[in-house]
């Protein structure tokens, strides 16, 4: 398949690497949460982050149930994170990527402006400028990939938080219903219905917590894989930035090319 960077050598190589990493990263949605996740427009949701599903227990007037299920709040709190900070970091990476792509385009335009220059110095300058454009484009691509992986990681947390919230809310709703029934029967059973229900409630809450723990474990495994992908992108960026160091001499090449392209009448004859 032909892409925007096909045939571009360095740029095409890095584009293939980054696209592969992004595709693998997107697969974490299915592997971890059994849902589809796309890197395009990945934004971590901040809505509902502070909602406490256990608050319904107090609102229902069965506060005595809370001490038996309060541990369900812990995994939800652990998944809160800092959505604003994650989104800010992703936006910063995207902005840096745009800057690199812009610089690469500017270097390509500079190449057209020296197309008529001739000589070894001119050829060396054009080769250097062309390679710099490719490496800047590749650096922008790796920054795009890093932003995608970071955004997807944040989405995994956000999505799992929503799943966990749903699991907790569901079991709490059922327990409140049964708690009200147990409370209504308390007089007839001399409180025995409440005591029996508390044991059942603790067991059901523990089963839900175990299910949630399994999902969080999968998330942590996914984060381990995401860390490996980020490491590959970082390694690629380090190689590219080290490669760009050699272009500190590009100004000298440009001057040499310019001098070679100048008309030979610049030297004035010595006065007699």
Protein backbone atom coordinates (compact mmCIF):
# COMPACT_ATOMS: atom_id res chain seq x y z
CA UNK A 1 0.00 0.00 0.00
CA UNK A 2 1.33 3.47 -0.92
CA UNK A 3 1.38 6.01 1.92
CA UNK A 4 2.33 9.68 2.22
CA UNK A 5 5.88 8.63 3.08
CA UNK A 6 6.25 5.62 0.79
CA UNK A 7 9.62 5.55 -0.95
CA UNK A 8 11.00 8.13 1.45
CA UNK A 9 13.62 5.81 2.95
CA UNK A 10 14.11 6.82 6.56
CA UNK A 11 10.65 8.37 6.85
CA UNK A 12 8.96 5.27 5.44
CA UNK A 13 10.87 3.00 7.83
CA UNK A 14 9.85 4.98 10.89
CA UNK A 15 6.29 5.42 9.64
CA UNK A 16 5.96 1.63 9.41
CA UNK A 17 7.35 1.21 12.93
CA UNK A 18 5.03 3.82 14.45
CA UNK A 19 1.93 2.58 12.61
CA UNK A 20 2.64 -0.95 13.85
CA UNK A 21 3.05 0.27 17.44
CA UNK A 22 -0.17 2.30 17.25
CA UNK A 23 -2.11 -0.69 15.90
CA UNK A 24 -0.75 -2.90 18.68
CA UNK A 25 -1.63 -0.24 21.22
CA UNK A 26 -5.21 -0.02 19.95
CA UNK A 27 -5.53 -3.79 20.34
CA UNK A 28 -5.23 -3.35 24.11
CA UNK A 29 -8.88 -2.31 24.19
CA UNK A 30 -9.91 -5.82 23.16
CA UNK A 31 -7.19 -7.59 25.16
CA UNK A 32 -7.77 -5.74 28.41
CA UNK A 33 -11.41 -4.64 28.34
CA UNK A 34 -13.00 -6.47 25.40
CA UNK A 35 -13.96 -3.15 23.81
CA UNK A 36 -12.67 -1.36 20.71
CA UNK A 37 -10.42 1.66 21.22
CA UNK A 38 -9.05 3.99 18.56
CA UNK A 39 -6.04 6.26 18.79
CA UNK A 40 -7.87 8.87 16.73
CA UNK A 41 -9.19 11.57 19.03
CA UNK A 42 -8.20 9.71 22.18
CA UNK A 43 -9.29 11.91 25.07
CA UNK A 44 -9.50 10.91 28.72
CA UNK A 45 -12.97 11.61 30.10
CA UNK A 46 -13.16 13.79 33.19
CA UNK A 47 -16.93 13.58 33.64
CA UNK A 48 -18.20 11.64 36.63
CA UNK A 49 -14.77 11.13 38.12
CA UNK A 50 -15.90 12.12 41.60
CA UNK A 51 -19.21 10.25 41.65
CA UNK A 52 -19.51 7.78 44.52
CA UNK A 53 -21.88 4.88 43.76
CA UNK A 54 -21.90 3.93 47.44
CA UNK A 55 -23.61 7.22 48.27
CA UNK A 56 -26.90 5.62 47.26
CA UNK A 57 -26.73 3.45 50.39
CA UNK A 58 -27.00 6.47 52.67
CA UNK A 59 -29.70 8.02 50.49
CA UNK A 60 -31.73 4.81 50.80
CA UNK A 61 -31.60 4.95 54.59
CA UNK A 62 -29.66 1.70 55.04
CA UNK A 63 -26.36 3.18 56.21
CA UNK A 64 -25.67 0.09 58.30
CA UNK A 65 -24.97 -1.73 55.03
CA UNK A 66 -22.05 0.57 54.21
CA UNK A 67 -19.58 -1.01 56.64
CA UNK A 68 -20.00 -4.36 54.87
CA UNK A 69 -19.35 -3.08 51.34
CA UNK A 70 -17.26 0.10 51.75
CA UNK A 71 -14.16 -1.67 50.37
CA UNK A 72 -15.75 -1.52 46.92
CA UNK A 73 -14.84 2.16 46.76
CA UNK A 74 -11.09 1.41 46.78
CA UNK A 75 -10.71 0.14 43.18
CA UNK A 76 -12.81 3.02 41.89
CA UNK A 77 -10.61 5.54 43.69
CA UNK A 78 -7.51 3.80 42.32
CA UNK A 79 -8.77 4.37 38.76
CA UNK A 80 -9.42 8.09 39.13
CA UNK A 81 -5.94 9.20 38.03
CA UNK A 82 -5.50 12.74 36.74
CA UNK A 83 -7.41 13.07 33.45
CA UNK A 84 -6.55 16.75 32.96
CA UNK A 85 -2.83 16.09 33.29
CA UNK A 86 -2.99 13.12 30.89
CA UNK A 87 -4.86 15.16 28.27
CA UNK A 88 -2.40 18.05 28.68
CA UNK A 89 0.56 15.72 28.11
CA UNK A 90 -1.05 14.19 25.02
CA UNK A 91 -1.81 17.66 23.61
CA UNK A 92 1.78 18.73 24.23
CA UNK A 93 3.09 15.71 22.33
CA UNK A 94 0.71 16.38 19.44
CA UNK A 95 1.82 20.02 19.28
CA UNK A 96 5.47 18.98 19.17
CA UNK A 97 4.65 16.52 16.37
CA UNK A 98 2.96 19.25 14.33
CA UNK A 99 6.02 21.45 14.79
CA UNK A 100 8.32 18.70 13.49
CA UNK A 101 6.08 18.07 10.46
CA UNK A 102 6.07 21.81 9.73
CA UNK A 103 9.86 22.02 9.94
CA UNK A 104 10.17 19.03 7.61
CA UNK A 105 7.92 20.73 5.06
CA UNK A 106 9.93 23.94 5.30
CA UNK A 107 13.12 22.01 4.56
CA UNK A 108 11.49 20.42 1.50
CA UNK A 109 10.58 23.89 0.27
CA UNK A 110 14.16 25.04 0.87
CA UNK A 111 15.31 22.21 -1.39
CA UNK A 112 13.32 23.64 -4.28
CA UNK A 113 14.96 27.02 -3.80
CA UNK A 114 18.45 25.58 -4.40
CA UNK A 115 17.55 23.23 -7.24
CA UNK A 116 19.70 25.19 -9.69
CA UNK A 117 22.86 25.10 -7.59
CA UNK A 118 25.62 22.92 -9.01
CA UNK A 119 28.82 21.38 -7.80
CA UNK A 120 29.85 18.96 -5.05
CA UNK A 121 29.05 21.38 -2.25
CA UNK A 122 25.58 21.96 -3.68
CA UNK A 123 24.94 18.22 -3.97
CA UNK A 124 26.14 17.66 -0.40
CA UNK A 125 23.93 20.47 0.87
CA UNK A 126 20.85 19.13 -0.92
CA UNK A 127 21.52 15.60 0.35
CA UNK A 128 21.87 16.91 3.90
CA UNK A 129 18.73 19.01 3.64
CA UNK A 130 16.77 16.11 2.19
CA UNK A 131 17.89 13.76 4.94
CA UNK A 132 17.12 16.35 7.58
CA UNK A 133 13.58 16.71 6.22
CA UNK A 134 13.11 12.94 6.38
CA UNK A 135 14.39 12.73 9.93
CA UNK A 136 12.28 15.67 11.10
CA UNK A 137 9.25 14.01 9.51
CA UNK A 138 10.15 10.76 11.26
CA UNK A 139 10.59 12.54 14.58
CA UNK A 140 7.14 14.05 14.16
CA UNK A 141 5.77 10.60 13.40
CA UNK A 142 7.29 9.10 16.55
CA UNK A 143 5.84 11.97 18.59
CA UNK A 144 2.44 11.23 17.02
CA UNK A 145 2.86 7.60 18.03
CA UNK A 146 3.87 8.51 21.57
CA UNK A 147 0.81 10.74 21.91
CA UNK A 148 -1.39 7.90 20.63
CA UNK A 149 0.00 5.34 23.09
CA UNK A 150 -0.30 7.78 25.99
CA UNK A 151 -3.85 8.69 24.98
CA UNK A 152 -4.89 5.05 24.62
CA UNK A 153 -3.41 4.23 28.03
CA UNK A 154 -5.50 7.01 29.53
CA UNK A 155 -8.59 5.76 27.70
CA UNK A 156 -8.03 2.27 29.09
CA UNK A 157 -8.13 3.66 32.62
CA UNK A 158 -11.15 5.81 31.84
CA UNK A 159 -13.06 2.96 30.21
CA UNK A 160 -12.27 0.52 33.00
CA UNK A 161 -13.35 3.10 35.55
CA UNK A 162 -16.71 3.26 33.80
CA UNK A 163 -16.97 -0.54 33.78
CA UNK A 164 -16.06 -0.74 37.47
CA UNK A 165 -18.53 2.01 38.28
CA UNK A 166 -21.24 0.04 36.50
CA UNK A 167 -20.40 -3.19 38.34
CA UNK A 168 -20.42 -1.47 41.71
CA UNK A 169 -23.59 0.49 40.99
CA UNK A 170 -25.37 -2.67 39.88
CA UNK A 171 -24.49 -4.71 42.96
CA UNK A 172 -25.23 -1.75 45.26
CA UNK A 173 -28.68 -1.33 43.73
CA UNK A 174 -29.42 -5.02 44.31
CA UNK A 175 -28.08 -4.91 47.86
CA UNK A 176 -30.13 -1.81 48.71
CA UNK A 177 -33.25 -3.53 47.47
CA UNK A 178 -32.55 -6.64 49.54
CA UNK A 179 -31.45 -4.55 52.53
CA UNK A 180 -34.80 -2.77 52.56
CA UNK A 181 -36.56 -6.14 52.50
CA UNK A 182 -34.37 -7.40 55.35
CA UNK A 183 -35.04 -4.24 57.34
CA UNK A 184 -38.78 -4.61 56.84
CA UNK A 185 -38.60 -8.17 58.18
CA UNK A 186 -36.40 -7.26 61.14
CA UNK A 187 -39.25 -6.84 63.59
CA UNK A 188 -40.69 -10.26 62.82
CA UNK A 189 -37.30 -11.98 62.94
CA UNK A 190 -35.95 -10.04 65.95
CA UNK A 191 -33.19 -8.62 63.76
CA UNK A 192 -32.20 -12.01 62.39
CA UNK A 193 -33.05 -11.00 58.83
CA UNK A 194 -30.57 -8.12 58.94
CA UNK A 195 -27.80 -10.26 60.44
CA UNK A 196 -28.29 -12.92 57.79
CA UNK A 197 -28.44 -10.36 55.01
CA UNK A 198 -25.20 -8.69 56.13
CA UNK A 199 -23.36 -11.97 55.60
CA UNK A 200 -24.85 -12.32 52.14
CA UNK A 201 -24.05 -8.69 51.31
CA UNK A 202 -20.41 -9.10 52.33
CA UNK A 203 -20.07 -12.20 50.16
CA UNK A 204 -21.64 -10.55 47.12
CA UNK A 205 -19.50 -7.46 47.54
CA UNK A 206 -16.38 -9.64 47.86
CA UNK A 207 -17.30 -11.49 44.66
CA UNK A 208 -17.69 -8.17 42.85
CA UNK A 209 -14.36 -6.95 44.23
CA UNK A 210 -12.69 -10.13 42.99
CA UNK A 211 -14.12 -9.59 39.51
CA UNK A 212 -12.89 -6.01 39.52
CA UNK A 213 -9.44 -7.09 40.72
CA UNK A 214 -9.18 -9.43 37.74
CA UNK A 215 -9.95 -6.57 35.36
CA UNK A 216 -7.40 -4.29 37.04
CA UNK A 217 -4.82 -7.06 36.78
CA UNK A 218 -5.42 -7.21 33.02
CA UNK A 219 -5.08 -3.43 32.88
CA UNK A 220 -1.71 -3.58 34.62
CA UNK A 221 -0.55 -6.24 32.16
CA UNK A 222 -1.65 -3.96 29.34
CA UNK A 223 0.28 -1.08 30.89
CA UNK A 224 3.36 -3.28 30.89
CA UNK A 225 2.97 -3.82 27.15
CA UNK A 226 2.29 -0.12 26.62
CA UNK A 227 5.49 0.67 28.50
CA UNK A 228 7.40 -1.54 26.08
CA UNK A 229 5.88 0.33 23.13
CA UNK A 230 6.78 3.69 24.62
CA UNK A 231 10.33 2.44 25.14
CA UNK A 232 10.58 1.56 21.43
CA UNK A 233 9.32 5.00 20.46
CA UNK A 234 11.75 6.67 22.85
CA UNK A 235 14.61 4.67 21.37
CA UNK A 236 13.57 5.76 17.89
CA UNK A 237 13.41 9.40 18.98
CA UNK A 238 16.87 9.18 20.55
CA UNK A 239 18.32 7.78 17.32
CA UNK A 240 16.69 10.52 15.28
CA UNK A 241 17.78 13.36 17.54
CA UNK A 242 21.35 12.04 17.60
CA UNK A 243 21.26 11.88 13.82
CA UNK A 244 20.12 15.48 13.63
CA UNK A 245 23.19 16.56 15.62
CA UNK A 246 25.38 16.04 12.58
CA UNK A 247 23.50 18.80 10.78
CA UNK A 248 25.24 21.42 12.89
CA UNK A 249 27.57 21.69 9.88
CA UNK A 250 24.76 22.14 7.39
CA UNK A 251 25.30 25.91 7.45
CA UNK A 252 28.86 25.40 6.26
CA UNK A 253 27.65 23.21 3.43
CA UNK A 254 25.10 25.84 2.47
CA UNK A 255 27.76 28.54 2.33
CA UNK A 256 30.04 26.33 0.24
CA UNK A 257 27.22 25.60 -2.16
CA UNK A 258 26.35 29.27 -2.40
CA UNK A 259 29.95 30.26 -3.09
CA UNK A 260 30.20 27.59 -5.79
CA UNK A 261 27.03 28.87 -7.42
CA UNK A 262 28.12 32.54 -7.45
CA UNK A 263 29.38 34.07 -10.69
CA UNK A 264 33.17 34.05 -10.92
CA UNK A 265 33.34 37.84 -11.24
CA UNK A 266 33.29 38.40 -7.48
CA UNK A 267 37.07 38.57 -7.18
CA UNK A 268 38.43 41.98 -7.98
CA UNK A 269 41.78 42.28 -9.78
CA UNK A 270 44.63 43.57 -7.69
CA UNK A 271 45.51 47.17 -8.22
CA UNK A 272 48.69 47.80 -10.11
